[in-house]
Amino acid sequence: MKLDLSVIEDIRMNLSAIEQRTATLSGRRSVKKDWQAAWLLKSITCMDLTTLSGDDTPDRVKRLCAKAANPIRADLLDAMGFTKPLHTGAVCVYHAMVPTAVKALEGTDIPVAAVSTGFPHGLSPMSTKLQEIRESVAAGAKEIDIVITRQYVLTQNWDALYDEMKQYRDACGDARIKAILAVGELATMRNIAKASMVCMMAGADFIKTSTGKEATNANLNNTLAMIRMIRQYQTMTGFKVGYKPAGGISKAKDALMYQALMKDELGREWLEPDLFRFGVSSLLGDIERQIEHFVTGHYSASNRHPIG
């Protein structure tokens, strides 16, 4: 849609109310036993299993892809009577590793997501950013995670942010685009909310909290601010936009809290991978430990549950 600055200027965020809402979530939304195991298995289908390290190698990416296709040991699934195919929502890598991941995931339904546009800081020339997107799509990436220029938010230059995001949207073609806001660098909840709305107006399929490289990444407070904007955008336009928290989500109990908040605020549809993803590298290992505890009654060592 066209940029509507009147909508942006009307956005307000009440930090105290946000903090009160999220502080009470764990006490009101607790699942145990069979239900907890089921929610954890569901969370696996919403993971973007990620490796974004300077020492990534093709073998590491292949191993990550193998884990994405078989995230929980077969004996644990058999013991639970779980017979449906189970895999992560995507595998997320740098552009250089896209061909390796695409080849490793042949024969599966798992898409490859590529981080782009000068990730993580987004300070490359615009022509370079757009070319990086096009090359990742040409290499087989079905999803592109872009980073916005934070200065546009900090200086309230919403026209520039909209134009930037729209160019990224056009460069992606048929690939899905996730807009990374880098919430830890946007200073206020109001800035986070306004940036979310501008990116959705410009065509983002998902809005995402963080690169995972900032001091502050995903938490329930900034999540609430962003998903309230998703709800407002749906009310305005009828379009459903996805949400991806990323950075620092490493415990199974955290995954349950995010799922509960999504269901409370947006409804059951936002528990499916087409509208909800976790950006994670270590969460899967803890979830597999929790599943083993559910099946056997004992916790195992973390090194028995490698994730790639």
C-alpha atoms as a PDB file:
ATOM      1  CA  MET A   1       0.000   0.000   0.000  1.00  0.00           C
ATOM      2  CA  LYS A   2       1.035   3.638  -0.241  1.00  0.00           C
ATOM      3  CA  LEU A   3       2.793   5.158   2.747  1.00  0.00           C
ATOM      4  CA  ASP A   4       0.176   6.740   4.995  1.00  0.00           C
ATOM      5  CA  LEU A   5       2.005   9.113   7.321  1.00  0.00           C
ATOM      6  CA  SER A   6      -1.175   9.920   9.240  1.00  0.00           C
ATOM      7  CA  VAL A   7      -1.270   6.315  10.444  1.00  0.00           C
ATOM      8  CA  ILE A   8       2.402   6.440  11.424  1.00  0.00           C
ATOM      9  CA  GLU A   9       2.067   9.681  13.361  1.00  0.00           C
ATOM     10  CA  ASP A  10      -0.932   8.358  15.307  1.00  0.00           C
ATOM     11  CA  ILE A  11       0.974   5.329  16.663  1.00  0.00           C
ATOM     12  CA  ARG A  12       1.500   5.355  20.432  1.00  0.00           C
ATOM     13  CA  MET A  13       3.076   2.775  22.755  1.00  0.00           C
ATOM     14  CA  ASN A  14       2.508   2.607  26.519  1.00  0.00           C
ATOM     15  CA  LEU A  15       5.675   0.992  27.892  1.00  0.00           C
ATOM     16  CA  SER A  16       4.241   0.445  31.387  1.00  0.00           C
ATOM     17  CA  ALA A  17       1.215  -1.330  29.966  1.00  0.00           C
ATOM     18  CA  ILE A  18       3.418  -3.461  27.703  1.00  0.00           C
ATOM     19  CA  GLU A  19       5.607  -4.494  30.636  1.00  0.00           C
ATOM     20  CA  GLN A  20       2.587  -5.317  32.789  1.00  0.00           C
ATOM     21  CA  ARG A  21       1.052  -7.429  30.031  1.00  0.00           C
ATOM     22  CA  THR A  22       4.184  -9.496  29.409  1.00  0.00           C
ATOM     23  CA  ALA A  23       5.139  -9.836  33.097  1.00  0.00           C
ATOM     24  CA  THR A  24       1.943 -11.753  33.830  1.00  0.00           C
ATOM     25  CA  LEU A  25       2.158 -14.056  30.815  1.00  0.00           C
ATOM     26  CA  SER A  26       4.108 -16.915  32.396  1.00  0.00           C
ATOM     27  CA  GLY A  27       1.689 -17.179  35.307  1.00  0.00           C
ATOM     28  CA  ARG A  28      -1.400 -17.245  33.119  1.00  0.00           C
ATOM     29  CA  ARG A  29      -0.195 -19.337  30.193  1.00  0.00           C
ATOM     30  CA  SER A  30       1.455 -22.538  31.388  1.00  0.00           C
ATOM     31  CA  VAL A  31       1.255 -25.902  29.620  1.00  0.00           C
ATOM     32  CA  LYS A  32       2.445 -29.203  31.055  1.00  0.00           C
ATOM     33  CA  LYS A  33       2.983 -32.842  30.131  1.00  0.00           C
ATOM     34  CA  ASP A  34       1.347 -33.977  26.860  1.00  0.00           C
ATOM     35  CA  TRP A  35       0.290 -30.450  25.954  1.00  0.00           C
ATOM     36  CA  GLN A  36       3.779 -29.057  26.537  1.00  0.00           C
ATOM     37  CA  ALA A  37       5.323 -31.766  24.350  1.00  0.00           C
ATOM     38  CA  ALA A  38       2.822 -30.992  21.597  1.00  0.00           C
ATOM     39  CA  TRP A  39       3.523 -27.239  21.731  1.00  0.00           C
ATOM     40  CA  LEU A  40       7.269 -27.909  21.603  1.00  0.00           C
ATOM     41  CA  LEU A  41       6.916 -30.110  18.536  1.00  0.00           C
ATOM     42  CA  LYS A  42       4.833 -27.379  16.923  1.00  0.00           C
ATOM     43  CA  SER A  43       7.551 -24.818  17.697  1.00  0.00           C
ATOM     44  CA  ILE A  44      10.089 -26.906  15.754  1.00  0.00           C
ATOM     45  CA  THR A  45       8.033 -26.482  12.583  1.00  0.00           C
ATOM     46  CA  CYS A  46       8.331 -22.694  13.044  1.00  0.00           C
ATOM     47  CA  MET A  47      12.117 -22.553  13.381  1.00  0.00           C
ATOM     48  CA  ASP A  48      14.498 -20.893  10.977  1.00  0.00           C
ATOM     49  CA  LEU A  49      17.477 -23.048  11.965  1.00  0.00           C
ATOM     50  CA  THR A  50      20.380 -20.673  11.566  1.00  0.00           C
ATOM     51  CA  THR A  51      24.139 -20.508  11.232  1.00  0.00           C
ATOM     52  CA  LEU A  52      25.617 -17.046  10.661  1.00  0.00           C
ATOM     53  CA  SER A  53      29.209 -17.345  11.780  1.00  0.00           C
ATOM     54  CA  GLY A  54      32.392 -16.161  10.149  1.00  0.00           C
ATOM     55  CA  ASP A  55      33.778 -19.689  10.357  1.00  0.00           C
ATOM     56  CA  ASP A  56      30.852 -21.377   8.597  1.00  0.00           C
ATOM     57  CA  THR A  57      31.926 -24.160   6.253  1.00  0.00           C
ATOM     58  CA  PRO A  58      30.004 -26.235   3.696  1.00  0.00           C
ATOM     59  CA  ASP A  59      30.188 -29.254   6.001  1.00  0.00           C
ATOM     60  CA  ARG A  60      28.700 -27.297   8.898  1.00  0.00           C
ATOM     61  CA  VAL A  61      25.837 -26.114   6.685  1.00  0.00           C
ATOM     62  CA  LYS A  62      25.201 -29.659   5.401  1.00  0.00           C
ATOM     63  CA  ARG A  63      25.071 -30.918   8.971  1.00  0.00           C
ATOM     64  CA  LEU A  64      22.631 -28.148   9.910  1.00  0.00           C
ATOM     65  CA  CYS A  65      20.426 -29.056   6.952  1.00  0.00           C
ATOM     66  CA  ALA A  66      20.438 -32.723   7.993  1.00  0.00           C
ATOM     67  CA  LYS A  67      19.292 -31.676  11.462  1.00  0.00           C
ATOM     68  CA  ALA A  68      16.603 -29.418  10.000  1.00  0.00           C
ATOM     69  CA  ALA A  69      15.206 -32.391   8.073  1.00  0.00           C
ATOM     70  CA  ASN A  70      15.371 -34.687  11.135  1.00  0.00           C
ATOM     71  CA  PRO A  71      15.142 -32.375  14.154  1.00  0.00           C
ATOM     72  CA  ILE A  72      14.145 -34.963  16.788  1.00  0.00           C
ATOM     73  CA  ARG A  73      15.617 -38.448  17.151  1.00  0.00           C
ATOM     74  CA  ALA A  74      13.401 -41.077  15.550  1.00  0.00           C
ATOM     75  CA  ASP A  75      13.269 -43.223  18.707  1.00  0.00           C
ATOM     76  CA  LEU A  76      11.798 -40.321  20.695  1.00  0.00           C
ATOM     77  CA  LEU A  77       9.140 -39.637  18.078  1.00  0.00           C
ATOM     78  CA  ASP A  78       8.303 -43.362  17.909  1.00  0.00           C
ATOM     79  CA  ALA A  79       7.903 -43.499  21.688  1.00  0.00           C
ATOM     80  CA  MET A  80       5.447 -40.592  21.484  1.00  0.00           C
ATOM     81  CA  GLY A  81       3.482 -42.242  18.678  1.00  0.00           C
ATOM     82  CA  PHE A  82       4.274 -39.296  16.416  1.00  0.00           C
ATOM     83  CA  THR A  83       4.095 -40.475  12.794  1.00  0.00           C
ATOM     84  CA  LYS A  84       3.790 -37.255  10.749  1.00  0.00           C
ATOM     85  CA  PRO A  85       6.810 -35.737   8.950  1.00  0.00           C
ATOM     86  CA  LEU A  86       8.552 -33.203  11.161  1.00  0.00           C
ATOM     87  CA  HIS A  87      11.066 -30.608  10.024  1.00  0.00           C
ATOM     88  CA  THR A  88      12.000 -27.009  10.688  1.00  0.00           C
ATOM     89  CA  GLY A  89      10.429 -24.078   8.884  1.00  0.00           C
ATOM     90  CA  ALA A  90      13.624 -23.085   7.036  1.00  0.00           C
ATOM     91  CA  VAL A  91      17.406 -23.055   7.147  1.00  0.00           C
ATOM     92  CA  CYS A  92      18.943 -19.572   7.321  1.00  0.00           C
ATOM     93  CA  VAL A  93      22.484 -18.881   6.055  1.00  0.00           C
ATOM     94  CA  TYR A  94      24.692 -16.232   4.494  1.00  0.00           C
ATOM     95  CA  HIS A  95      24.525 -15.804   0.703  1.00  0.00           C
ATOM     96  CA  ALA A  96      27.788 -17.712   0.158  1.00  0.00           C
ATOM     97  CA  MET A  97      26.225 -20.840   1.687  1.00  0.00           C
ATOM     98  CA  VAL A  98      22.911 -20.703  -0.205  1.00  0.00           C
ATOM     99  CA  PRO A  99      23.945 -23.147  -2.993  1.00  0.00           C
ATOM    100  CA  THR A 100      25.265 -25.628  -0.410  1.00  0.00           C
ATOM    101  CA  ALA A 101      22.053 -25.461   1.620  1.00  0.00           C
ATOM    102  CA  VAL A 102      19.805 -25.701  -1.442  1.00  0.00           C
ATOM    103  CA  LYS A 103      21.590 -28.845  -2.596  1.00  0.00           C
ATOM    104  CA  ALA A 104      21.577 -30.390   0.887  1.00  0.00           C
ATOM    105  CA  LEU A 105      17.809 -29.841   1.214  1.00  0.00           C
ATOM    106  CA  GLU A 106      16.863 -31.317  -2.173  1.00  0.00           C
ATOM    107  CA  GLY A 107      13.892 -33.639  -1.795  1.00  0.00           C
ATOM    108  CA  THR A 108      12.584 -31.883   1.298  1.00  0.00           C
ATOM    109  CA  ASP A 109      10.014 -29.115   1.634  1.00  0.00           C
ATOM    110  CA  ILE A 110      12.429 -26.964   3.644  1.00  0.00           C
ATOM    111  CA  PRO A 111      13.166 -23.553   2.084  1.00  0.00           C
ATOM    112  CA  VAL A 112      16.504 -21.791   2.319  1.00  0.00           C
ATOM    113  CA  ALA A 113      16.483 -18.282   3.788  1.00  0.00           C
ATOM    114  CA  ALA A 114      19.388 -15.931   3.108  1.00  0.00           C
ATOM    115  CA  VAL A 115      20.347 -12.908   5.177  1.00  0.00           C
ATOM    116  CA  SER A 116      21.031  -9.988   2.896  1.00  0.00           C
ATOM    117  CA  THR A 117      21.463  -6.222   2.358  1.00  0.00           C
ATOM    118  CA  GLY A 118      24.747  -5.904   4.196  1.00  0.00           C
ATOM    119  CA  PHE A 119      23.697  -8.020   7.186  1.00  0.00           C
ATOM    120  CA  PRO A 120      23.987  -7.303  10.080  1.00  0.00           C
ATOM    121  CA  HIS A 121      24.510  -3.520   9.909  1.00  0.00           C
ATOM    122  CA  GLY A 122      22.928  -2.739   6.556  1.00  0.00           C
ATOM    123  CA  LEU A 123      25.451  -0.042   5.637  1.00  0.00           C
ATOM    124  CA  SER A 124      26.476  -1.278   2.185  1.00  0.00           C
ATOM    125  CA  PRO A 125      25.669   0.782  -0.951  1.00  0.00           C
ATOM    126  CA  MET A 126      22.084   0.348  -2.103  1.00  0.00           C
ATOM    127  CA  SER A 127      23.143  -1.110  -5.457  1.00  0.00           C
ATOM    128  CA  THR A 128      25.178  -3.757  -3.628  1.00  0.00           C
ATOM    129  CA  LYS A 129      22.258  -4.631  -1.349  1.00  0.00           C
ATOM    130  CA  LEU A 130      19.852  -5.080  -4.239  1.00  0.00           C
ATOM    131  CA  GLN A 131      22.332  -7.184  -6.188  1.00  0.00           C
ATOM    132  CA  GLU A 132      22.901  -9.392  -3.150  1.00  0.00           C
ATOM    133  CA  ILE A 133      19.162 -10.044  -2.912  1.00  0.00           C
ATOM    134  CA  ARG A 134      18.895 -10.911  -6.609  1.00  0.00           C
ATOM    135  CA  GLU A 135      21.875 -13.249  -6.479  1.00  0.00           C
ATOM    136  CA  SER A 136      20.537 -15.092  -3.417  1.00  0.00           C
ATOM    137  CA  VAL A 137      17.171 -15.578  -5.121  1.00  0.00           C
ATOM    138  CA  ALA A 138      18.906 -16.779  -8.298  1.00  0.00           C
ATOM    139  CA  ALA A 139      20.919 -19.252  -6.199  1.00  0.00           C
ATOM    140  CA  GLY A 140      17.715 -20.805  -4.860  1.00  0.00           C
ATOM    141  CA  ALA A 141      16.838 -18.892  -1.704  1.00  0.00           C
ATOM    142  CA  LYS A 142      13.060 -18.815  -1.216  1.00  0.00           C
ATOM    143  CA  GLU A 143      13.164 -16.324   1.658  1.00  0.00           C
ATOM    144  CA  ILE A 144      15.287 -13.196   2.137  1.00  0.00           C
ATOM    145  CA  ASP A 145      15.950 -11.615   5.534  1.00  0.00           C
ATOM    146  CA  ILE A 146      16.869  -7.964   4.935  1.00  0.00           C
ATOM    147  CA  VAL A 147      18.096  -5.353   7.429  1.00  0.00           C
ATOM    148  CA  ILE A 148      16.694  -1.854   7.386  1.00  0.00           C
ATOM    149  CA  THR A 149      18.760   1.321   7.668  1.00  0.00           C
ATOM    150  CA  ARG A 150      18.356   2.228  11.324  1.00  0.00           C
ATOM    151  CA  GLN A 151      19.129   5.917  10.849  1.00  0.00           C
ATOM    152  CA  TYR A 152      15.882   6.346   8.926  1.00  0.00           C
ATOM    153  CA  VAL A 153      13.969   5.295  12.036  1.00  0.00           C
ATOM    154  CA  LEU A 154      16.089   7.328  14.446  1.00  0.00           C
ATOM    155  CA  THR A 155      15.640  10.466  12.327  1.00  0.00           C
ATOM    156  CA  GLN A 156      11.950   9.730  11.652  1.00  0.00           C
ATOM    157  CA  ASN A 157      12.587   9.655   7.898  1.00  0.00           C
ATOM    158  CA  TRP A 158       9.667   7.372   7.099  1.00  0.00           C
ATOM    159  CA  ASP A 159       9.643   8.190   3.378  1.00  0.00           C
ATOM    160  CA  ALA A 160      13.228   6.946   3.063  1.00  0.00           C
ATOM    161  CA  LEU A 161      12.499   3.766   5.031  1.00  0.00           C
ATOM    162  CA  TYR A 162       9.427   3.071   2.911  1.00  0.00           C
ATOM    163  CA  ASP A 163      11.321   3.613  -0.361  1.00  0.00           C
ATOM    164  CA  GLU A 164      14.179   1.387   0.806  1.00  0.00           C
ATOM    165  CA  MET A 165      11.863  -1.411   1.877  1.00  0.00           C
ATOM    166  CA  LYS A 166       9.869  -1.195  -1.350  1.00  0.00           C
ATOM    167  CA  GLN A 167      13.040  -1.582  -3.433  1.00  0.00           C
ATOM    168  CA  TYR A 168      13.957  -4.671  -1.410  1.00  0.00           C
ATOM    169  CA  ARG A 169      10.452  -6.058  -1.935  1.00  0.00           C
ATOM    170  CA  ASP A 170      10.719  -5.577  -5.701  1.00  0.00           C
ATOM    171  CA  ALA A 171      14.196  -7.168  -5.835  1.00  0.00           C
ATOM    172  CA  CYS A 172      12.933 -10.302  -4.059  1.00  0.00           C
ATOM    173  CA  GLY A 173      10.459 -11.170  -6.792  1.00  0.00           C
ATOM    174  CA  ASP A 174       8.515 -14.246  -5.686  1.00  0.00           C
ATOM    175  CA  ALA A 175      10.723 -14.866  -2.639  1.00  0.00           C
ATOM    176  CA  ARG A 176       9.340 -14.031   0.777  1.00  0.00           C
ATOM    177  CA  ILE A 177      10.925 -11.044   2.470  1.00  0.00           C
ATOM    178  CA  LYS A 178      11.488 -10.628   6.208  1.00  0.00           C
ATOM    179  CA  ALA A 179      12.321  -7.122   7.417  1.00  0.00           C
ATOM    180  CA  ILE A 180      14.813  -7.099  10.310  1.00  0.00           C
ATOM    181  CA  LEU A 181      14.299  -3.990  12.434  1.00  0.00           C
ATOM    182  CA  ALA A 182      17.259  -4.429  14.827  1.00  0.00           C
ATOM    183  CA  VAL A 183      14.984  -3.384  17.691  1.00  0.00           C
ATOM    184  CA  GLY A 184      17.860  -2.998  20.148  1.00  0.00           C
ATOM    185  CA  GLU A 185      19.117  -0.033  18.116  1.00  0.00           C
ATOM    186  CA  LEU A 186      15.804   1.801  17.631  1.00  0.00           C
ATOM    187  CA  ALA A 187      15.748   3.508  21.064  1.00  0.00           C
ATOM    188  CA  THR A 188      12.000   3.419  21.876  1.00  0.00           C
ATOM    189  CA  MET A 189       8.953   1.163  21.633  1.00  0.00           C
ATOM    190  CA  ARG A 190       7.247   3.822  19.559  1.00  0.00           C
ATOM    191  CA  ASN A 191      10.072   3.725  17.013  1.00  0.00           C
ATOM    192  CA  ILE A 192       9.814  -0.074  16.894  1.00  0.00           C
ATOM    193  CA  ALA A 193       6.078   0.110  16.294  1.00  0.00           C
ATOM    194  CA  LYS A 194       6.331   2.812  13.619  1.00  0.00           C
ATOM    195  CA  ALA A 195       9.141   1.017  11.778  1.00  0.00           C
ATOM    196  CA  SER A 196       7.051  -2.167  11.836  1.00  0.00           C
ATOM    197  CA  MET A 197       4.097  -0.393  10.241  1.00  0.00           C
ATOM    198  CA  VAL A 198       6.190   1.321   7.551  1.00  0.00           C
ATOM    199  CA  CYS A 199       7.839  -1.973   6.555  1.00  0.00           C
ATOM    200  CA  MET A 200       4.455  -3.686   6.291  1.00  0.00           C
ATOM    201  CA  MET A 201       3.080  -0.841   4.178  1.00  0.00           C
ATOM    202  CA  ALA A 202       6.056  -1.304   1.836  1.00  0.00           C
ATOM    203  CA  GLY A 203       5.392  -5.024   1.375  1.00  0.00           C
ATOM    204  CA  ALA A 204       7.187  -7.008   4.092  1.00  0.00           C
ATOM    205  CA  ASP A 205       5.880 -10.580   4.390  1.00  0.00           C
ATOM    206  CA  PHE A 206       7.377 -10.845   7.895  1.00  0.00           C
ATOM    207  CA  ILE A 207       8.703  -8.345  10.391  1.00  0.00           C
ATOM    208  CA  LYS A 208      11.630  -9.611  12.447  1.00  0.00           C
ATOM    209  CA  THR A 209      13.140  -8.291  15.657  1.00  0.00           C
ATOM    210  CA  SER A 210      16.878  -8.634  15.324  1.00  0.00           C
ATOM    211  CA  THR A 211      19.963  -9.838  13.541  1.00  0.00           C
ATOM    212  CA  GLY A 212      21.083 -11.582  16.730  1.00  0.00           C
ATOM    213  CA  LYS A 213      24.199  -9.403  16.721  1.00  0.00           C
ATOM    214  CA  GLU A 214      22.803  -6.475  18.757  1.00  0.00           C
ATOM    215  CA  ALA A 215      23.075  -6.048  22.526  1.00  0.00           C
ATOM    216  CA  THR A 216      19.266  -6.290  22.855  1.00  0.00           C
ATOM    217  CA  ASN A 217      17.442  -8.817  20.708  1.00  0.00           C
ATOM    218  CA  ALA A 218      14.002 -10.405  20.854  1.00  0.00           C
ATOM    219  CA  ASN A 219      12.050 -10.166  24.084  1.00  0.00           C
ATOM    220  CA  LEU A 220       8.370 -10.272  24.966  1.00  0.00           C
ATOM    221  CA  ASN A 221       8.096  -6.490  25.283  1.00  0.00           C
ATOM    222  CA  ASN A 222       9.309  -5.605  21.798  1.00  0.00           C
ATOM    223  CA  THR A 223       7.412  -8.634  20.487  1.00  0.00           C
ATOM    224  CA  LEU A 224       4.148  -7.264  21.867  1.00  0.00           C
ATOM    225  CA  ALA A 225       4.780  -3.861  20.271  1.00  0.00           C
ATOM    226  CA  MET A 226       5.415  -5.469  16.884  1.00  0.00           C
ATOM    227  CA  ILE A 227       2.525  -7.929  16.863  1.00  0.00           C
ATOM    228  CA  ARG A 228       0.085  -5.212  17.914  1.00  0.00           C
ATOM    229  CA  MET A 229       1.142  -3.452  14.700  1.00  0.00           C
ATOM    230  CA  ILE A 230       0.548  -6.679  12.755  1.00  0.00           C
ATOM    231  CA  ARG A 231      -2.956  -6.782  14.190  1.00  0.00           C
ATOM    232  CA  GLN A 232      -3.570  -3.131  13.313  1.00  0.00           C
ATOM    233  CA  TYR A 233      -2.278  -3.659   9.780  1.00  0.00           C
ATOM    234  CA  GLN A 234      -4.579  -6.634   9.288  1.00  0.00           C
ATOM    235  CA  THR A 235      -7.532  -4.572  10.499  1.00  0.00           C
ATOM    236  CA  MET A 236      -6.605  -1.772   8.065  1.00  0.00           C
ATOM    237  CA  THR A 237      -5.904  -3.887   4.981  1.00  0.00           C
ATOM    238  CA  GLY A 238      -7.081  -7.465   5.468  1.00  0.00           C
ATOM    239  CA  PHE A 239      -3.521  -8.727   4.899  1.00  0.00           C
ATOM    240  CA  LYS A 240      -1.803 -11.047   7.360  1.00  0.00           C
ATOM    241  CA  VAL A 241       1.884 -10.366   8.015  1.00  0.00           C
ATOM    242  CA  GLY A 242       4.178 -12.849   9.749  1.00  0.00           C
ATOM    243  CA  TYR A 243       6.395 -12.324  12.769  1.00  0.00           C
ATOM    244  CA  LYS A 244       9.906 -13.611  13.532  1.00  0.00           C
ATOM    245  CA  PRO A 245      11.622 -13.102  16.902  1.00  0.00           C
ATOM    246  CA  ALA A 246      15.369 -13.748  16.715  1.00  0.00           C
ATOM    247  CA  GLY A 247      18.392 -13.515  18.965  1.00  0.00           C
ATOM    248  CA  GLY A 248      18.772 -14.995  22.424  1.00  0.00           C
ATOM    249  CA  ILE A 249      15.902 -17.497  22.260  1.00  0.00           C
ATOM    250  CA  SER A 250      17.623 -20.620  23.526  1.00  0.00           C
ATOM    251  CA  LYS A 251      15.293 -22.310  26.049  1.00  0.00           C
ATOM    252  CA  ALA A 252      12.186 -24.386  25.445  1.00  0.00           C
ATOM    253  CA  LYS A 253      10.255 -22.392  28.041  1.00  0.00           C
ATOM    254  CA  ASP A 254      10.958 -19.224  26.045  1.00  0.00           C
ATOM    255  CA  ALA A 255       9.473 -20.778  22.924  1.00  0.00           C
ATOM    256  CA  LEU A 256       6.302 -21.603  24.860  1.00  0.00           C
ATOM    257  CA  MET A 257       5.940 -17.984  26.017  1.00  0.00           C
ATOM    258  CA  TYR A 258       6.277 -16.619  22.485  1.00  0.00           C
ATOM    259  CA  GLN A 259       3.749 -19.129  21.195  1.00  0.00           C
ATOM    260  CA  ALA A 260       1.294 -18.222  23.965  1.00  0.00           C
ATOM    261  CA  LEU A 261       1.628 -14.519  23.222  1.00  0.00           C
ATOM    262  CA  MET A 262       1.108 -15.062  19.488  1.00  0.00           C
ATOM    263  CA  LYS A 263      -2.021 -17.128  20.090  1.00  0.00           C
ATOM    264  CA  ASP A 264      -3.421 -14.619  22.603  1.00  0.00           C
ATOM    265  CA  GLU A 265      -2.806 -11.552  20.460  1.00  0.00           C
ATOM    266  CA  LEU A 266      -3.214 -12.769  16.869  1.00  0.00           C
ATOM    267  CA  GLY A 267      -4.939 -16.146  17.011  1.00  0.00           C
ATOM    268  CA  ARG A 268      -4.265 -19.766  16.120  1.00  0.00           C
ATOM    269  CA  GLU A 269      -3.156 -19.004  12.549  1.00  0.00           C
ATOM    270  CA  TRP A 270      -0.005 -17.333  13.884  1.00  0.00           C
ATOM    271  CA  LEU A 271       1.255 -20.631  15.287  1.00  0.00           C
ATOM    272  CA  GLU A 272       1.971 -21.931  11.785  1.00  0.00           C
ATOM    273  CA  PRO A 273       5.252 -21.455   9.879  1.00  0.00           C
ATOM    274  CA  ASP A 274       3.705 -19.348   7.132  1.00  0.00           C
ATOM    275  CA  LEU A 275       3.045 -16.611   9.733  1.00  0.00           C
ATOM    276  CA  PHE A 276       5.455 -17.323  12.595  1.00  0.00           C
ATOM    277  CA  ARG A 277       9.143 -18.225  12.773  1.00  0.00           C
ATOM    278  CA  PHE A 278      11.849 -18.341  15.423  1.00  0.00           C
ATOM    279  CA  GLY A 279      15.347 -17.343  14.358  1.00  0.00           C
ATOM    280  CA  VAL A 280      17.425 -19.807  16.397  1.00  0.00           C
ATOM    281  CA  SER A 281      20.691 -21.695  16.571  1.00  0.00           C
ATOM    282  CA  SER A 282      20.600 -23.444  19.963  1.00  0.00           C
ATOM    283  CA  LEU A 283      16.879 -23.645  20.850  1.00  0.00           C
ATOM    284  CA  LEU A 284      16.398 -26.958  19.073  1.00  0.00           C
ATOM    285  CA  GLY A 285      18.936 -28.687  21.313  1.00  0.00           C
ATOM    286  CA  ASP A 286      17.071 -27.690  24.480  1.00  0.00           C
ATOM    287  CA  ILE A 287      13.716 -28.698  23.017  1.00  0.00           C
ATOM    288  CA  GLU A 288      15.087 -32.145  22.135  1.00  0.00           C
ATOM    289  CA  ARG A 289      16.316 -32.492  25.731  1.00  0.00           C
ATOM    290  CA  GLN A 290      12.833 -31.598  26.992  1.00  0.00           C
ATOM    291  CA  ILE A 291      11.254 -34.130  24.648  1.00  0.00           C
ATOM    292  CA  GLU A 292      13.636 -36.833  25.882  1.00  0.00           C
ATOM    293  CA  HIS A 293      12.730 -35.947  29.462  1.00  0.00           C
ATOM    294  CA  PHE A 294       9.047 -36.252  28.543  1.00  0.00           C
ATOM    295  CA  VAL A 295       9.622 -39.731  27.080  1.00  0.00           C
ATOM    296  CA  THR A 296      12.126 -41.174  29.574  1.00  0.00           C
ATOM    297  CA  GLY A 297      11.779 -39.069  32.715  1.00  0.00           C
ATOM    298  CA  HIS A 298      15.485 -38.177  32.578  1.00  0.00           C
ATOM    299  CA  TYR A 299      17.459 -35.237  31.211  1.00  0.00           C
ATOM    300  CA  SER A 300      20.375 -36.028  28.927  1.00  0.00           C
ATOM    301  CA  ALA A 301      23.585 -34.109  28.344  1.00  0.00           C
ATOM    302  CA  SER A 302      23.349 -31.323  25.792  1.00  0.00           C
ATOM    303  CA  ASN A 303      26.111 -32.867  23.673  1.00  0.00           C
ATOM    304  CA  ARG A 304      23.794 -35.784  22.891  1.00  0.00           C
ATOM    305  CA  HIS A 305      21.551 -33.432  20.921  1.00  0.00           C
ATOM    306  CA  PRO A 306      23.706 -31.690  18.299  1.00  0.00           C
ATOM    307  CA  ILE A 307      21.993 -29.124  16.117  1.00  0.00           C
ATOM    308  CA  GLY A 308      24.565 -28.660  13.387  1.00  0.00           C
END
